[in-house]
Structures are given as C-alpha cells and as structure tokens.
Amino acid sequence: MPVSSLPLKNNREGRALQKGQQTKVAIVDAALGLATQIGLEGLSIGALAEVTQMSKSGVFAHFGSREELQISVIREYHRRFEEEVFYPSLQQPRGLPRLRAMVDNWMQRTSVEIDSGCLYISGAVEFDDRPGPVRDALAGSVQTWLAAINRAVVQARDMGDLLPDTDHQQMAFELHGVILALHYEARFLKTPGSVARARAGFDHILARYGHPASAAKAPLRAVAAKPASKSSKHTPKD
C-alpha cells in the first residue's frame, strides 16, 4: 500500500470507530431508559432494536450477547449515579458537610426515581438469587456506593462530627434503610409525604449518632419530588 494512502485509511478507520462508539452510547442510553421501566430482565436485543430502529444484528454486533448488554446498562447507570450523587458531594469538606451532601444528593435522585424507577432496587429483586456476571456487576455497583457512604461516616466520626463510639457500619445501614423505605413507600404504596418522612429519618439518625455541636448545623435541605428524568466505575477514594 502506498505510504500516501495510509493517512486516508487511518482517517476512515478513525471515523468508523467514532461512529461505532457513538452508536453504542445511543443504544445503551435507550436500553437504560427501558430497563428503568421494565427491569433488566425485560431487556432483549429484539426490543432494543425496535426502540432504536436498528436491526437485531446491528444491536447484537455492539454487545455480542444480552448479558453483555445488561452489564453495559448497569455500568452506565452507576456512572450517572456517581455524577449526580457522589462527585458533587466532594466539593464539601470531609466530615458531616460531605456526609450531608451525599445523603441530600441521594434523596434528590431518589425523588426523581419515584417515577422512573431505580435499577439498583429493581435489579436486586430480579437477580438476588441468580448468580452470574449480571448479578455481580449490579451488586458490585451497589457495594461501591455503600462503601463510599461508610467511608463518609467514618470520616465524620474521626473529625468529631459524630460521637466517638459511632458504629459506622450500623449508621450506614440505617441510612441505606431510609432510602429503601422511601422507594417502597413513595413508588409502590404511593404514600403521601414519603420524601419528608425520609428527611426526618435522616435527622433522627443524626440525632442519635451526631455530636451535639455538629448535629445542630445546617439541616438537610428540603427535597421536593421531581418529574421523572428521561435519562437515568467505581467510586474513587477521597
């Protein structure tokens, strides 16, 4: 092949690769939208081909299997979760301010998912007793986030914002429980005032574990229920 033709060939290959990546991103975005409504188990190459107006073979070529499609959706959901919940909280100092921000952002996202659905919760129901790569990817994402919450609690305790004998694992467990209760009450039972009760739940947890001088500072800001969002890595240590 003449040397002069190499740049042209490389440019064509680069454009084709970029187009392929853009197409895959669009497919994953559509798949995530479907999964939050019908669950990961409801995803299929055929259903996704219909939604994206692509051929089944075209969709399949980007993933190779339904399982890989499901895992890609889980990874994208977790990436968006981190962008909305975790990373903004890092703007706050370590200790109670950061923990408050994490819980606040978590509740903000949860208030949106009351309508759109939470992949972590629906996926847990679908894959709790089904070992395999999809369950591993889902559980790994949840464990990564809970580890970040646990770490924030430890930092708050070590900085004197929480009582020195605070059981960080127990506190993190209770915070997670508030979010799970909010999803169940608001999404399934349609209980009025669920978001306000969740905020009160956080305040009660902090009243038991928080150092008196810190617990009185800046209560968790109000979280109003929001309309469903059309859109929906692991967490670095800090």
Protein backbone atom coordinates (compact mmCIF):
# COMPACT_ATOMS: atom_id res chain seq x y z
CA MET A 1 0.00 0.00 0.00
CA PRO A 2 1.44 3.41 -0.95
CA VAL A 3 2.52 5.48 2.03
CA SER A 4 0.36 8.39 0.84
CA SER A 5 -2.79 6.29 1.24
CA LEU A 6 -2.14 5.42 4.89
CA PRO A 7 -3.45 8.71 6.41
CA LEU A 8 -6.64 8.40 4.37
CA LYS A 9 -7.16 4.84 5.53
CA ASN A 10 -6.45 5.79 9.16
CA ASN A 11 -8.92 8.67 8.95
CA ARG A 12 -11.63 6.39 7.61
CA GLU A 13 -10.97 3.82 10.32
CA GLY A 14 -10.99 6.55 12.98
CA ARG A 15 -14.30 7.93 11.80
CA ALA A 16 -15.81 4.45 11.64
CA LEU A 17 -14.62 3.72 15.18
CA GLN A 18 -16.00 7.01 16.47
CA LYS A 19 -19.34 6.39 14.78
CA GLY A 20 -19.46 2.90 16.24
CA GLN A 21 -18.81 4.25 19.73
CA GLN A 22 -21.50 6.91 19.33
CA THR A 23 -23.97 4.28 18.18
CA LYS A 24 -23.18 2.08 21.16
CA VAL A 25 -23.66 5.02 23.54
CA ALA A 26 -27.05 5.71 21.96
CA ILE A 27 -28.06 2.06 22.30
CA VAL A 28 -27.03 1.94 25.97
CA ASP A 29 -28.95 5.15 26.64
CA ALA A 30 -32.08 3.65 25.08
CA ALA A 31 -31.54 0.39 26.95
CA LEU A 32 -31.20 2.23 30.26
CA GLY A 33 -34.46 4.03 29.63
CA LEU A 34 -36.16 0.70 29.01
CA ALA A 35 -34.54 -1.02 31.98
CA THR A 36 -35.71 1.59 34.49
CA GLN A 37 -39.27 0.95 33.31
CA ILE A 38 -39.38 -2.81 32.66
CA GLY A 39 -36.30 -4.05 34.53
CA LEU A 40 -33.03 -5.55 33.38
CA GLU A 41 -34.67 -8.90 32.75
CA GLY A 42 -37.07 -7.26 30.32
CA LEU A 43 -34.23 -6.13 28.08
CA SER A 44 -33.78 -8.04 24.85
CA ILE A 45 -31.88 -7.46 21.64
CA GLY A 46 -35.18 -7.54 19.75
CA ALA A 47 -36.95 -4.98 21.97
CA LEU A 48 -33.97 -2.67 21.84
CA ALA A 49 -33.70 -2.98 18.06
CA GLU A 50 -37.32 -1.89 17.81
CA VAL A 51 -36.83 1.11 20.09
CA THR A 52 -33.65 2.27 18.35
CA GLN A 53 -34.98 1.40 14.88
CA MET A 54 -31.94 -0.75 14.20
CA SER A 55 -31.64 -4.31 13.03
CA LYS A 56 -31.20 -7.06 15.60
CA SER A 57 -27.86 -7.93 14.06
CA GLY A 58 -26.79 -4.27 14.32
CA VAL A 59 -27.58 -4.14 18.03
CA PHE A 60 -26.04 -7.55 18.64
CA ALA A 61 -22.80 -6.52 16.93
CA HIS A 62 -22.16 -3.90 19.63
CA PHE A 63 -22.61 -6.26 22.58
CA GLY A 64 -22.43 -9.87 21.46
CA SER A 65 -24.96 -11.07 24.00
CA ARG A 66 -27.96 -9.99 26.04
CA GLU A 67 -25.88 -10.45 29.18
CA GLU A 68 -23.23 -8.00 28.00
CA LEU A 69 -25.98 -5.53 27.14
CA GLN A 70 -27.36 -5.79 30.68
CA ILE A 71 -23.91 -5.27 32.19
CA SER A 72 -23.32 -2.22 29.98
CA VAL A 73 -26.60 -0.75 31.21
CA ILE A 74 -25.60 -1.33 34.85
CA ARG A 75 -22.26 0.39 34.29
CA GLU A 76 -23.93 3.38 32.65
CA TYR A 77 -26.49 3.66 35.44
CA HIS A 78 -23.71 3.62 38.02
CA ARG A 79 -21.73 6.24 36.09
CA ARG A 80 -24.71 8.58 36.07
CA PHE A 81 -25.41 7.87 39.73
CA GLU A 82 -21.88 8.90 40.64
CA GLU A 83 -22.06 12.06 38.54
CA GLU A 84 -25.29 13.16 40.21
CA VAL A 85 -24.75 11.94 43.76
CA PHE A 86 -21.13 11.26 44.65
CA TYR A 87 -18.90 13.67 42.77
CA PRO A 88 -20.82 16.86 43.67
CA SER A 89 -20.51 15.94 47.35
CA LEU A 90 -16.71 16.07 47.09
CA GLN A 91 -16.99 19.84 46.86
CA GLN A 92 -17.88 19.79 50.56
CA PRO A 93 -15.23 19.35 53.27
CA ARG A 94 -14.75 15.93 54.79
CA GLY A 95 -16.89 15.16 57.78
CA LEU A 96 -20.52 15.98 58.37
CA PRO A 97 -20.80 18.52 55.50
CA ARG A 98 -19.80 15.88 52.96
CA LEU A 99 -21.98 13.20 54.52
CA ARG A 100 -24.95 15.58 54.47
CA ALA A 101 -24.28 16.38 50.82
CA MET A 102 -24.11 12.70 49.89
CA VAL A 103 -27.39 11.92 51.61
CA ASP A 104 -29.00 15.05 50.23
CA ASN A 105 -27.94 14.22 46.66
CA TRP A 106 -29.06 10.63 47.18
CA MET A 107 -32.52 11.78 48.21
CA GLN A 108 -32.67 14.24 45.32
CA ARG A 109 -32.04 11.42 42.86
CA THR A 110 -34.44 9.14 44.69
CA SER A 111 -37.19 11.73 44.41
CA VAL A 112 -36.78 11.57 40.62
CA GLU A 113 -36.71 7.78 40.58
CA ILE A 114 -40.04 7.60 42.39
CA ASP A 115 -41.45 7.94 38.87
CA SER A 116 -38.72 6.49 36.69
CA GLY A 117 -37.58 3.57 38.85
CA CYS A 118 -34.28 2.60 40.48
CA LEU A 119 -32.17 0.00 38.69
CA TYR A 120 -30.40 -0.97 41.92
CA ILE A 121 -33.68 -1.89 43.60
CA SER A 122 -35.49 -3.48 40.67
CA GLY A 123 -32.30 -5.34 39.72
CA ALA A 124 -31.90 -6.67 43.25
CA VAL A 125 -35.38 -8.19 43.05
CA GLU A 126 -34.63 -9.76 39.68
CA PHE A 127 -31.15 -11.09 40.41
CA ASP A 128 -31.00 -11.64 44.18
CA ASP A 129 -30.97 -15.42 43.76
CA ARG A 130 -29.45 -15.65 40.29
CA PRO A 131 -25.66 -15.87 40.41
CA GLY A 132 -23.70 -14.77 37.39
CA PRO A 133 -21.95 -11.79 35.77
CA VAL A 134 -25.06 -9.57 35.69
CA ARG A 135 -25.72 -10.03 39.39
CA ASP A 136 -22.02 -9.49 40.13
CA ALA A 137 -21.98 -6.22 38.17
CA LEU A 138 -25.12 -4.99 39.90
CA ALA A 139 -24.01 -5.99 43.39
CA GLY A 140 -20.56 -4.53 42.79
CA SER A 141 -22.02 -1.15 41.86
CA VAL A 142 -24.22 -1.05 44.96
CA GLN A 143 -21.37 -2.17 47.21
CA THR A 144 -19.12 0.54 45.79
CA TRP A 145 -21.64 3.23 46.65
CA LEU A 146 -22.34 1.86 50.13
CA ALA A 147 -18.59 1.72 50.75
CA ALA A 148 -18.43 5.44 49.91
CA ILE A 149 -21.24 6.16 52.38
CA ASN A 150 -19.48 4.06 55.00
CA ARG A 151 -16.24 5.93 54.40
CA ALA A 152 -18.01 9.29 54.75
CA VAL A 153 -19.46 8.19 58.08
CA VAL A 154 -16.01 7.12 59.31
CA GLN A 155 -14.55 10.48 58.27
CA ALA A 156 -17.34 12.35 60.06
CA ARG A 157 -16.72 10.31 63.21
CA ASP A 158 -12.95 10.76 63.04
CA MET A 159 -13.34 14.52 62.64
CA GLY A 160 -15.53 14.74 65.74
CA ASP A 161 -18.82 15.42 63.96
CA LEU A 162 -20.23 12.12 65.21
CA LEU A 163 -19.95 10.53 68.63
CA PRO A 164 -16.63 8.68 69.04
CA ASP A 165 -18.34 5.35 69.69
CA THR A 166 -20.44 5.55 66.50
CA ASP A 167 -20.78 2.18 64.78
CA HIS A 168 -20.13 3.33 61.21
CA GLN A 169 -21.49 0.15 59.66
CA GLN A 170 -24.72 0.42 61.62
CA MET A 171 -25.19 4.07 60.72
CA ALA A 172 -24.55 3.41 57.02
CA PHE A 173 -27.01 0.50 57.18
CA GLU A 174 -29.69 2.76 58.64
CA LEU A 175 -29.10 5.46 56.01
CA HIS A 176 -29.50 2.85 53.29
CA GLY A 177 -32.67 1.66 55.00
CA VAL A 178 -34.19 5.15 54.81
CA ILE A 179 -33.66 5.24 51.05
CA LEU A 180 -35.11 1.77 50.55
CA ALA A 181 -38.15 2.70 52.64
CA LEU A 182 -38.60 5.88 50.60
CA HIS A 183 -38.67 3.92 47.34
CA TYR A 184 -41.15 1.40 48.71
CA GLU A 185 -43.47 3.91 50.33
CA ALA A 186 -43.41 6.51 47.57
CA ARG A 187 -43.20 4.35 44.44
CA PHE A 188 -45.14 1.22 45.40
CA LEU A 189 -47.56 2.37 48.10
CA LYS A 190 -47.85 5.98 46.87
CA THR A 191 -47.80 7.17 50.49
CA PRO A 192 -48.14 10.98 50.68
CA GLY A 193 -45.31 12.79 52.44
CA SER A 194 -42.79 9.98 51.98
CA VAL A 195 -39.96 12.31 50.98
CA ALA A 196 -40.50 14.48 54.06
CA ARG A 197 -40.50 11.36 56.25
CA ALA A 198 -37.24 10.23 54.68
CA ARG A 199 -35.67 13.59 55.51
CA ALA A 200 -36.96 13.26 59.06
CA GLY A 201 -35.47 9.77 59.18
CA PHE A 202 -32.04 11.16 58.35
CA ASP A 203 -32.41 13.82 61.04
CA HIS A 204 -33.35 11.16 63.59
CA ILE A 205 -30.32 9.07 62.68
CA LEU A 206 -28.08 12.08 63.02
CA ALA A 207 -29.65 13.00 66.36
CA ARG A 208 -28.58 9.60 67.73
CA TYR A 209 -25.09 9.49 66.25
CA GLY A 210 -24.17 13.13 65.84
CA HIS A 211 -22.05 15.18 68.17
CA PRO A 212 -24.41 17.79 69.71
CA ALA A 213 -22.31 20.70 68.48
CA SER A 214 -22.33 19.40 64.90
CA ALA A 215 -25.86 18.00 64.67
CA ALA A 216 -27.38 21.45 65.05
CA LYS A 217 -25.62 22.81 61.98
CA ALA A 218 -27.31 23.16 58.58
CA PRO A 219 -30.10 20.56 58.48
CA LEU A 220 -30.60 18.50 55.36
CA ARG A 221 -32.21 20.79 52.79
CA ALA A 222 -35.72 20.08 51.60
CA VAL A 223 -36.08 17.63 48.74
CA ALA A 224 -39.17 18.06 46.63
CA ALA A 225 -40.43 15.25 44.42
CA LYS A 226 -39.44 15.85 40.81
CA PRO A 227 -40.79 14.63 37.50
CA ALA A 228 -39.14 11.57 36.02
CA SER A 229 -35.86 12.15 34.24
CA LYS A 230 -35.58 10.82 30.71
CA SER A 231 -32.01 9.78 31.31
CA SER A 232 -31.11 7.88 34.09
CA LYS A 233 -16.80 2.85 37.63
CA HIS A 234 -16.22 2.62 40.65
CA THR A 235 -16.08 5.32 43.22
CA PRO A 236 -12.60 6.74 43.83
CA LYS A 237 -11.41 7.12 47.37
CA ASP A 238 -11.01 10.60 48.79
